[in-house]
Protein backbone atom coordinates (compact mmCIF):
# COMPACT_ATOMS: atom_id res chain seq x y z
CA MET A 1 2.75 -81.71 95.58
CA LYS A 2 5.31 -79.16 96.68
CA LYS A 3 2.54 -76.67 97.29
CA ARG A 4 0.67 -79.17 99.51
CA MET A 5 3.83 -79.91 101.50
CA VAL A 6 4.35 -76.24 102.12
CA THR A 7 0.72 -75.87 103.22
CA LEU A 8 1.03 -78.89 105.58
CA SER A 9 4.24 -77.53 107.09
CA SER A 10 2.58 -74.18 107.65
CA PHE A 11 -0.36 -75.90 109.25
CA LEU A 12 1.86 -77.94 111.63
CA ALA A 13 3.83 -74.85 112.54
CA LEU A 14 0.59 -73.04 113.26
CA LEU A 15 -0.60 -76.02 115.33
CA PHE A 16 2.53 -76.04 117.44
CA THR A 17 2.29 -72.30 117.94
CA LEU A 18 -1.33 -72.45 118.98
CA THR A 19 -0.68 -75.38 121.35
CA ALA A 20 2.20 -73.54 122.92
CA CYS A 21 -0.03 -70.52 123.38
CA GLY A 22 -2.74 -72.57 125.11
CA ILE A 23 -5.35 -72.46 122.30
CA SER A 24 -8.28 -74.78 122.88
CA THR A 25 -9.36 -77.51 120.46
CA GLU A 26 -12.53 -75.59 119.55
CA GLU A 27 -10.53 -72.51 118.73
CA PHE A 28 -8.08 -74.56 116.75
CA ASP A 29 -10.91 -76.19 114.79
CA ALA A 30 -12.40 -72.79 114.09
CA ALA A 31 -9.06 -71.49 112.85
CA GLN A 32 -8.64 -74.56 110.70
CA ALA A 33 -12.10 -74.09 109.23
CA SER A 34 -11.34 -70.42 108.54
CA THR A 35 -8.12 -71.42 106.79
CA ALA A 36 -9.98 -73.96 104.67
CA ALA A 37 -12.57 -71.32 103.76
CA LEU A 38 -9.83 -68.94 102.73
CA ASP A 39 -8.19 -71.63 100.62
CA SER A 40 -11.52 -72.40 98.98
CA GLU A 41 -12.13 -68.72 98.28
CA LYS A 42 -8.60 -68.40 96.89
CA GLN A 43 -9.21 -71.34 94.56
CA ALA A 44 -12.51 -69.82 93.41
CA LEU A 45 -10.78 -66.50 92.75
CA GLN A 46 -8.05 -68.30 90.82
CA VAL A 47 -10.66 -70.04 88.66
CA GLU A 48 -12.34 -66.68 88.06
CA LEU A 49 -8.98 -65.11 87.20
CA ASP A 50 -8.21 -67.92 84.76
CA THR A 51 -11.60 -67.39 83.14
CA VAL A 52 -10.98 -63.65 82.84
CA ASN A 53 -7.52 -64.28 81.34
CA ALA A 54 -9.01 -66.69 78.80
CA GLN A 55 -11.62 -64.08 77.85
CA LEU A 56 -8.89 -61.44 77.52
CA GLU A 57 -6.97 -63.72 75.18
CA THR A 58 -10.11 -64.23 73.11
CA TYR A 59 -10.76 -60.48 72.98
CA GLU A 60 -7.13 -59.82 72.01
CA ALA A 61 -7.35 -62.40 69.22
CA GLU A 62 -10.57 -60.79 67.94
CA ALA A 63 -8.99 -57.33 68.19
CA THR A 64 -6.00 -58.57 66.19
CA LYS A 65 -8.31 -59.95 63.48
CA LEU A 66 -10.25 -56.69 63.36
CA ARG A 67 -7.04 -54.67 63.16
CA GLU A 68 -5.66 -56.87 60.37
CA ALA A 69 -8.98 -56.65 58.49
CA LYS A 70 -8.93 -52.86 58.85
CA GLU A 71 -5.33 -52.67 57.64
CA LYS A 72 -6.23 -54.89 54.68
CA ARG A 73 -9.20 -52.67 53.79
CA GLU A 74 -7.05 -49.56 54.06
CA ALA A 75 -4.34 -51.13 51.87
CA GLU A 76 -6.92 -52.17 49.27
CA SER A 77 -8.50 -48.72 49.38
CA LYS A 78 -5.11 -47.09 48.94
CA ALA A 79 -4.25 -49.40 46.04
CA GLU A 80 -7.60 -48.67 44.39
CA ALA A 81 -7.09 -44.92 44.84
CA GLU A 82 -3.61 -45.17 43.32
CA ARG A 83 -4.98 -47.22 40.41
CA LYS A 84 -7.70 -44.66 39.75
CA ALA A 85 -5.17 -41.83 39.99
CA GLU A 86 -2.88 -43.57 37.50
CA GLU A 87 -5.82 -44.26 35.19
CA LYS A 88 -6.93 -40.64 35.38
CA ALA A 89 -3.38 -39.42 34.74
CA LYS A 90 -3.16 -41.74 31.72
CA LYS A 91 -6.49 -40.50 30.35
CA ASP A 92 -5.51 -36.88 30.96
CA LYS A 93 -2.21 -37.49 29.16
CA GLU A 94 -3.97 -39.14 26.22
CA LYS A 95 -6.51 -36.31 26.10
CA ALA A 96 -3.74 -33.71 26.16
CA ALA A 97 -1.89 -35.59 23.42
CA LYS A 98 -5.01 -35.71 21.24
CA GLU A 99 -5.68 -32.02 21.80
CA ALA A 100 -2.07 -31.20 20.94
CA ALA A 101 -2.35 -33.35 17.80
CA LYS A 102 -5.55 -31.56 16.80
CA LYS A 103 -3.89 -28.19 17.29
CA ALA A 104 -0.90 -29.32 15.25
CA GLU A 105 -3.19 -30.57 12.48
CA ALA A 106 -5.12 -27.31 12.55
CA ALA A 107 -1.87 -25.38 12.25
CA LYS A 108 -0.82 -27.55 9.31
CA ALA A 109 -4.22 -27.12 7.69
CA ASN A 110 -3.94 -23.34 7.99
CA LYS A 111 -0.54 -23.45 6.28
CA ALA A 112 -1.69 -25.76 3.48
CA LYS A 113 -2.13 -24.23 0.04
CA LYS A 114 -3.33 -25.36 -3.33
CA ILE A 115 -0.39 -26.04 -5.63
CA SER A 116 0.24 -25.92 -9.34
CA LYS A 117 0.53 -28.93 -11.63
CA ARG A 118 4.29 -28.37 -11.83
CA ALA A 119 4.68 -28.13 -8.05
CA LEU A 120 2.84 -31.44 -7.64
CA ALA A 121 5.07 -33.00 -10.29
CA GLN A 122 8.12 -31.87 -8.27
CA ILE A 123 6.73 -33.50 -5.13
CA VAL A 124 6.07 -36.73 -7.03
CA LYS A 125 9.58 -36.62 -8.51
CA LYS A 126 11.37 -35.92 -5.20
CA PRO A 127 9.04 -36.61 -2.26
CA ASP A 128 11.91 -36.93 0.22
CA SER A 129 13.00 -33.39 -0.63
CA ASN A 130 9.53 -32.04 0.12
CA ILE A 131 8.90 -33.63 3.53
CA ASP A 132 6.63 -31.56 5.84
CA LYS A 133 5.22 -29.52 2.96
CA ASN A 134 1.49 -28.93 3.53
CA VAL A 135 -0.62 -29.03 0.40
CA ILE A 136 -4.19 -29.18 -0.84
CA ILE A 137 -4.56 -31.75 -3.62
CA TYR A 138 -7.26 -33.83 -5.27
CA ALA A 139 -7.39 -37.59 -5.43
CA LYS A 140 -9.32 -40.57 -6.75
CA VAL A 141 -9.10 -43.49 -4.34
CA THR A 142 -7.88 -46.58 -6.23
CA GLN A 143 -7.39 -49.07 -3.40
CA PHE A 144 -8.79 -49.08 0.11
CA ASP A 145 -9.44 -52.60 1.39
CA SER A 146 -8.27 -55.29 3.78
CA ALA A 147 -4.91 -55.40 2.02
CA THR A 148 -4.18 -51.73 2.76
CA GLY A 149 -5.74 -51.74 6.21
CA PRO A 150 -8.18 -49.21 7.69
CA CYS A 151 -5.74 -46.28 7.90
CA ILE A 152 -3.91 -46.48 4.56
CA PHE A 153 -5.20 -46.08 1.02
CA ARG A 154 -3.76 -45.72 -2.47
CA ALA A 155 -4.95 -42.96 -4.80
CA ASP A 156 -4.15 -41.16 -8.02
CA VAL A 157 -3.70 -37.44 -7.39
CA ALA A 158 -3.86 -34.20 -9.32
CA HIS A 159 -3.31 -30.54 -8.48
CA ALA A 160 -6.97 -29.70 -9.25
CA HIS A 161 -10.38 -31.31 -9.45
CA VAL A 162 -10.27 -32.87 -12.90
CA GLY A 163 -13.53 -34.78 -12.86
CA LYS A 164 -13.60 -38.57 -12.62
CA TYR A 165 -10.41 -39.21 -14.54
CA ASP A 166 -7.01 -37.66 -15.31
CA TYR A 167 -5.60 -38.14 -11.80
CA GLU A 168 -2.13 -39.04 -13.01
CA HIS A 169 0.16 -39.50 -9.99
CA ASN A 170 -0.02 -42.75 -8.03
CA SER A 171 0.35 -41.97 -4.30
CA MET A 172 -0.14 -43.45 -0.81
CA PHE A 173 -2.04 -41.82 2.03
CA THR A 174 -2.07 -42.55 5.76
CA ALA A 175 -4.17 -41.11 8.59
CA GLY A 176 -4.35 -41.24 12.37
CA ASP A 177 -1.92 -43.69 13.91
CA GLY A 178 -1.59 -45.54 10.61
CA LEU A 179 -2.93 -48.75 12.15
CA SER A 180 -6.47 -48.59 13.52
CA ASP A 181 -7.24 -45.14 14.96
CA CYS A 182 -8.18 -43.04 11.92
CA ASP A 183 -11.78 -41.88 12.17
CA ILE A 184 -11.22 -39.31 9.45
CA LEU A 185 -11.23 -42.14 6.87
CA ASP A 186 -14.43 -43.85 8.06
CA ASP A 187 -16.50 -42.59 5.10
CA VAL A 188 -13.85 -43.06 2.42
CA LEU A 189 -14.23 -45.89 -0.12
CA ALA A 190 -12.48 -47.02 -3.28
CA ASP A 191 -13.38 -44.87 -6.33
CA ASP A 192 -14.24 -41.85 -4.15
CA ILE A 193 -12.98 -38.49 -5.38
CA ILE A 194 -11.81 -36.29 -2.54
CA GLN A 195 -10.11 -33.01 -1.78
CA VAL A 196 -7.28 -33.70 0.62
CA THR A 197 -5.34 -31.40 2.88
CA ALA A 198 -2.17 -33.37 3.55
CA THR A 199 1.48 -33.26 4.62
CA VAL A 200 4.21 -34.81 2.49
CA THR A 201 5.95 -37.49 4.60
CA GLY A 202 8.43 -38.81 2.03
CA SER A 203 8.52 -41.73 -0.38
CA LEU A 204 7.26 -45.29 -0.19
CA SER A 205 8.42 -48.29 -2.21
CA TYR A 206 6.29 -51.41 -2.59
CA ASP A 207 6.01 -54.49 -4.79
CA THR A 208 3.48 -54.42 -7.61
CA GLN A 209 1.14 -57.24 -8.59
CA ILE A 210 3.07 -57.88 -11.81
CA GLY A 211 6.26 -58.64 -9.91
CA GLY A 212 8.07 -55.31 -10.07
CA SER A 213 8.35 -52.49 -7.58
CA THR A 214 7.44 -48.83 -7.58
CA THR A 215 8.18 -45.77 -5.48
CA VAL A 216 5.46 -43.23 -4.82
CA PRO A 217 5.02 -40.10 -2.70
CA LYS A 218 3.40 -40.62 0.69
CA PHE A 219 1.02 -38.14 2.32
CA GLU A 220 -0.50 -37.86 5.79
CA VAL A 221 -4.14 -36.79 5.70
CA ILE A 222 -4.96 -33.73 7.80
CA LYS A 223 -8.52 -33.32 6.57
CA LEU A 224 -10.54 -34.28 3.54
CA LYS A 225 -13.75 -33.49 1.74
CA GLN A 226 -15.84 -35.67 -0.52
CA LEU A 227 -16.40 -34.26 -4.01
């Protein structure tokens, strides 16, 4: 409304000016027509401008979506790269740890020696005083089942290969992580007779089936050989 009033005022002012200047009616009508044409053109241009602005807003919205999608992809890609890097670092660390463990076992195996009957008796008598001693002994597996688990077995040991019997010292053996990772024991069964390269790890006390308890030496298997 205000805009129309301003336009009408301008028109009246123009009319008075033209009349004062002696403009004819035809000229006035022509000027009025020209003004109307300009107004019409202005309105058309405004409509076109509004259309362009609406399109720009649409394009900006689409550009924002594309930018956000790109940022999301980049963030996901970065997260995936970091995950793979962490996984690789973990695997490399585990591989290095296994290689170090193998080297340590090899070093222990090289230090291991066969021992006398008396030396074995000393270990059985005082296993905690012989921790970390590397020995080569012989054993008959007496228990290796679900009760012991896959990485622990019980055996009677001797200082030498004494056939199927005469393995006089009850002992416990562990391998690998002591829980589930112990491939070295995959082929071992109860009643097997084996040569064992092992490290004394101390003593172990456990309850017997008849209600008492016993303490035996405990060994960690470094390598073994079926006999």
